[in-house]
């Protein structure tokens, strides 16, 4: 499943540059994650890089965008042009 950023976000700017898919961008009040671009770093890294660097732990799974590991890998292949 894709990830999301909760309203606990402190806009510290550390997550955005860590995203290999450029799925994270500044929103109106806090950073947001585009679920169409988020692969939870599947295909790039072992763990979700934004979650690793977030100092306030405000990046949980998005229950509105449930995806299996295989679906995330498929999305990664499409986004990177490897399919």
N, C-alpha and C. Protein backbone atom coordinates (compact mmCIF):
# COMPACT_ATOMS: atom_id res chain seq x y z
N UNK A 1 0.83 -1.18 0.00
CA UNK A 1 0.00 0.00 0.00
C UNK A 1 0.87 1.24 0.00
N UNK A 2 0.35 2.29 -0.50
CA UNK A 2 1.08 3.55 -0.52
C UNK A 2 1.17 4.09 0.91
N UNK A 3 2.04 5.04 1.08
CA UNK A 3 2.20 5.70 2.37
C UNK A 3 1.47 7.03 2.34
N UNK A 4 1.28 7.61 3.53
CA UNK A 4 0.65 8.92 3.64
C UNK A 4 1.36 9.70 4.74
N UNK A 5 1.23 11.00 4.72
CA UNK A 5 1.81 11.85 5.75
C UNK A 5 0.65 12.43 6.57
N UNK A 6 0.72 12.26 7.89
CA UNK A 6 -0.34 12.74 8.76
C UNK A 6 -0.12 14.20 9.15
N UNK A 7 -1.11 14.76 9.81
CA UNK A 7 -1.02 16.16 10.21
C UNK A 7 -0.03 16.40 11.36
N UNK A 8 0.64 15.34 11.79
CA UNK A 8 1.73 15.50 12.77
C UNK A 8 3.02 15.99 12.10
N UNK A 9 3.01 16.07 10.78
CA UNK A 9 4.17 16.52 10.00
C UNK A 9 4.60 17.91 10.48
N UNK A 10 5.92 18.09 10.66
CA UNK A 10 6.45 19.38 11.11
C UNK A 10 7.14 20.14 9.96
N UNK A 11 6.94 19.67 8.73
CA UNK A 11 7.54 20.32 7.55
C UNK A 11 9.04 20.51 7.67
N UNK A 12 9.71 19.46 8.10
CA UNK A 12 11.16 19.56 8.30
C UNK A 12 11.95 19.39 7.01
N UNK A 13 11.28 18.99 5.94
CA UNK A 13 11.90 18.89 4.61
C UNK A 13 12.85 17.70 4.42
N UNK A 14 12.93 16.77 5.36
CA UNK A 14 13.89 15.68 5.17
C UNK A 14 13.36 14.54 4.30
N UNK A 15 12.05 14.38 4.22
CA UNK A 15 11.50 13.23 3.47
C UNK A 15 11.51 13.45 1.96
N UNK A 16 11.21 14.65 1.52
CA UNK A 16 11.05 14.91 0.09
C UNK A 16 12.26 14.47 -0.75
N UNK A 17 13.48 14.88 -0.40
CA UNK A 17 14.61 14.48 -1.24
C UNK A 17 14.96 13.00 -1.16
N UNK A 18 14.44 12.29 -0.17
CA UNK A 18 14.73 10.87 -0.02
C UNK A 18 13.90 9.99 -0.94
N UNK A 19 12.80 10.51 -1.47
CA UNK A 19 11.88 9.71 -2.27
C UNK A 19 12.42 9.48 -3.68
N UNK A 20 12.72 8.23 -4.05
CA UNK A 20 13.27 7.96 -5.38
C UNK A 20 12.25 8.15 -6.51
N UNK A 21 10.97 8.18 -6.17
CA UNK A 21 9.93 8.33 -7.18
C UNK A 21 9.37 9.74 -7.26
N UNK A 22 9.92 10.64 -6.47
CA UNK A 22 9.43 12.03 -6.41
C UNK A 22 7.94 12.07 -6.11
N UNK A 23 7.50 11.18 -5.20
CA UNK A 23 6.09 11.11 -4.82
C UNK A 23 5.74 12.11 -3.72
N UNK A 24 6.74 12.67 -3.05
CA UNK A 24 6.50 13.59 -1.94
C UNK A 24 6.68 15.02 -2.41
N UNK A 25 5.70 15.85 -2.05
CA UNK A 25 5.77 17.27 -2.42
C UNK A 25 5.11 18.11 -1.33
N UNK A 26 5.44 19.42 -1.30
CA UNK A 26 4.80 20.28 -0.31
C UNK A 26 3.31 20.43 -0.63
N UNK A 27 2.47 20.26 0.38
CA UNK A 27 1.05 20.48 0.22
C UNK A 27 0.69 21.86 0.73
N UNK A 28 -0.58 22.11 0.93
CA UNK A 28 -1.01 23.41 1.43
C UNK A 28 -0.47 23.69 2.82
N UNK A 29 -0.51 22.67 3.69
CA UNK A 29 -0.06 22.87 5.07
C UNK A 29 1.08 21.94 5.45
N UNK A 30 1.06 20.71 4.93
CA UNK A 30 2.10 19.73 5.22
C UNK A 30 2.50 19.03 3.92
N UNK A 31 3.55 18.25 3.99
CA UNK A 31 3.96 17.48 2.82
C UNK A 31 2.90 16.42 2.51
N UNK A 32 2.80 16.04 1.25
CA UNK A 32 1.85 15.03 0.82
C UNK A 32 2.56 13.99 -0.05
N UNK A 33 1.98 12.80 -0.09
CA UNK A 33 2.52 11.72 -0.92
C UNK A 33 1.50 11.37 -1.98
N UNK A 34 1.93 11.38 -3.24
CA UNK A 34 1.07 10.99 -4.36
C UNK A 34 1.01 9.46 -4.39
N UNK A 35 -0.15 8.87 -4.11
CA UNK A 35 -0.24 7.41 -4.08
C UNK A 35 0.02 6.76 -5.43
N UNK A 36 -0.13 7.51 -6.51
CA UNK A 36 0.14 6.95 -7.83
C UNK A 36 1.64 6.81 -8.09
N UNK A 37 2.46 7.50 -7.31
CA UNK A 37 3.90 7.44 -7.48
C UNK A 37 4.61 6.67 -6.36
N UNK A 38 3.93 6.49 -5.24
CA UNK A 38 4.55 5.84 -4.09
C UNK A 38 4.59 4.33 -4.27
N UNK A 39 5.81 3.77 -4.16
CA UNK A 39 5.99 2.32 -4.19
C UNK A 39 6.55 1.81 -2.87
N UNK A 40 6.54 2.67 -1.85
CA UNK A 40 7.15 2.34 -0.56
C UNK A 40 8.62 1.98 -0.75
N UNK A 41 9.21 2.51 -1.77
CA UNK A 41 10.61 2.29 -2.16
C UNK A 41 10.89 0.87 -2.65
N UNK A 42 9.83 0.08 -2.89
CA UNK A 42 10.00 -1.25 -3.48
C UNK A 42 10.70 -1.07 -4.83
N UNK A 43 11.73 -1.88 -5.05
CA UNK A 43 12.50 -1.79 -6.28
C UNK A 43 13.72 -0.90 -6.13
N UNK A 44 13.68 0.01 -5.18
CA UNK A 44 14.80 0.92 -4.95
C UNK A 44 15.58 0.54 -3.69
N UNK A 45 14.86 0.33 -2.58
CA UNK A 45 15.49 0.09 -1.29
C UNK A 45 14.74 -1.01 -0.53
N UNK A 46 15.35 -1.51 0.50
CA UNK A 46 14.73 -2.53 1.37
C UNK A 46 13.62 -1.94 2.23
N UNK A 47 13.75 -0.66 2.60
CA UNK A 47 12.78 -0.01 3.47
C UNK A 47 12.35 1.33 2.86
N UNK A 48 11.24 1.84 3.32
CA UNK A 48 10.74 3.13 2.86
C UNK A 48 11.63 4.23 3.42
N UNK A 49 12.31 4.94 2.54
CA UNK A 49 13.29 5.93 2.97
C UNK A 49 12.68 7.11 3.72
N UNK A 50 11.49 7.54 3.33
CA UNK A 50 10.87 8.66 4.03
C UNK A 50 10.55 8.28 5.48
N UNK A 51 10.11 7.05 5.69
CA UNK A 51 9.81 6.57 7.04
C UNK A 51 11.09 6.52 7.86
N UNK A 52 12.17 6.10 7.24
CA UNK A 52 13.46 6.00 7.93
C UNK A 52 13.95 7.35 8.44
N UNK A 53 13.75 8.41 7.67
CA UNK A 53 14.31 9.71 8.05
C UNK A 53 13.34 10.61 8.82
N UNK A 54 12.07 10.27 8.86
CA UNK A 54 11.07 11.13 9.51
C UNK A 54 11.32 11.20 11.02
N UNK A 55 11.55 12.40 11.55
CA UNK A 55 11.84 12.52 12.99
C UNK A 55 10.61 12.42 13.89
N UNK A 56 9.41 12.53 13.32
CA UNK A 56 8.20 12.48 14.16
C UNK A 56 7.31 11.28 13.86
N UNK A 57 7.77 10.35 13.06
CA UNK A 57 7.01 9.13 12.75
C UNK A 57 5.59 9.43 12.30
N UNK A 58 5.45 10.27 11.29
CA UNK A 58 4.12 10.66 10.81
C UNK A 58 3.82 10.12 9.42
N UNK A 59 4.48 9.00 9.03
CA UNK A 59 4.28 8.44 7.69
C UNK A 59 3.85 6.98 7.80
N UNK A 60 2.54 6.76 8.03
CA UNK A 60 2.02 5.39 8.08
C UNK A 60 1.54 4.92 6.71
N UNK A 61 1.09 3.68 6.65
CA UNK A 61 0.47 3.16 5.44
C UNK A 61 -0.87 3.86 5.22
N UNK A 62 -1.20 4.09 3.97
CA UNK A 62 -2.46 4.75 3.61
C UNK A 62 -3.53 3.68 3.42
N UNK A 63 -4.50 3.60 4.33
CA UNK A 63 -5.52 2.55 4.22
C UNK A 63 -6.42 2.69 3.00
N UNK A 64 -6.41 3.85 2.37
CA UNK A 64 -7.22 4.07 1.16
C UNK A 64 -6.51 3.60 -0.11
N UNK A 65 -5.25 3.20 0.01
CA UNK A 65 -4.48 2.76 -1.15
C UNK A 65 -3.71 1.48 -0.82
N UNK A 66 -4.44 0.41 -0.65
CA UNK A 66 -3.85 -0.88 -0.29
C UNK A 66 -3.29 -1.55 -1.54
N UNK A 67 -2.01 -1.94 -1.46
CA UNK A 67 -1.34 -2.62 -2.58
C UNK A 67 -0.43 -3.70 -2.02
N UNK A 68 -0.34 -4.80 -2.72
CA UNK A 68 0.57 -5.88 -2.31
C UNK A 68 1.99 -5.53 -2.75
N UNK A 69 2.94 -6.31 -2.25
CA UNK A 69 4.34 -6.11 -2.66
C UNK A 69 4.47 -6.28 -4.18
N UNK A 70 3.78 -7.26 -4.74
CA UNK A 70 3.83 -7.49 -6.19
C UNK A 70 3.26 -6.30 -6.97
N UNK A 71 2.18 -5.73 -6.46
CA UNK A 71 1.60 -4.55 -7.11
C UNK A 71 2.54 -3.35 -7.03
N UNK A 72 3.21 -3.20 -5.89
CA UNK A 72 4.18 -2.10 -5.75
C UNK A 72 5.36 -2.31 -6.70
N UNK A 73 5.80 -3.56 -6.87
CA UNK A 73 6.90 -3.85 -7.79
C UNK A 73 6.47 -3.56 -9.23
N UNK A 74 5.24 -3.91 -9.57
CA UNK A 74 4.71 -3.62 -10.91
C UNK A 74 4.70 -2.11 -11.16
N UNK A 75 4.26 -1.35 -10.15
CA UNK A 75 4.24 0.11 -10.28
C UNK A 75 5.66 0.65 -10.45
N UNK A 76 6.61 0.10 -9.68
CA UNK A 76 8.01 0.50 -9.80
C UNK A 76 8.52 0.27 -11.22
N UNK A 77 8.22 -0.91 -11.78
CA UNK A 77 8.68 -1.22 -13.15
C UNK A 77 8.09 -0.26 -14.17
N UNK A 78 6.85 0.10 -14.00
CA UNK A 78 6.20 1.04 -14.92
C UNK A 78 6.80 2.44 -14.76
N UNK A 79 6.95 2.89 -13.51
CA UNK A 79 7.47 4.25 -13.26
C UNK A 79 8.91 4.41 -13.75
N UNK A 80 9.70 3.35 -13.67
CA UNK A 80 11.10 3.45 -14.07
C UNK A 80 11.33 3.09 -15.53
N UNK A 81 10.26 2.72 -16.23
CA UNK A 81 10.38 2.38 -17.65
C UNK A 81 11.03 1.04 -17.88
N UNK A 82 11.06 0.19 -16.87
CA UNK A 82 11.66 -1.12 -17.01
C UNK A 82 10.65 -2.17 -17.46
N UNK A 83 9.44 -1.70 -17.75
CA UNK A 83 8.43 -2.62 -18.26
C UNK A 83 7.80 -2.03 -19.50
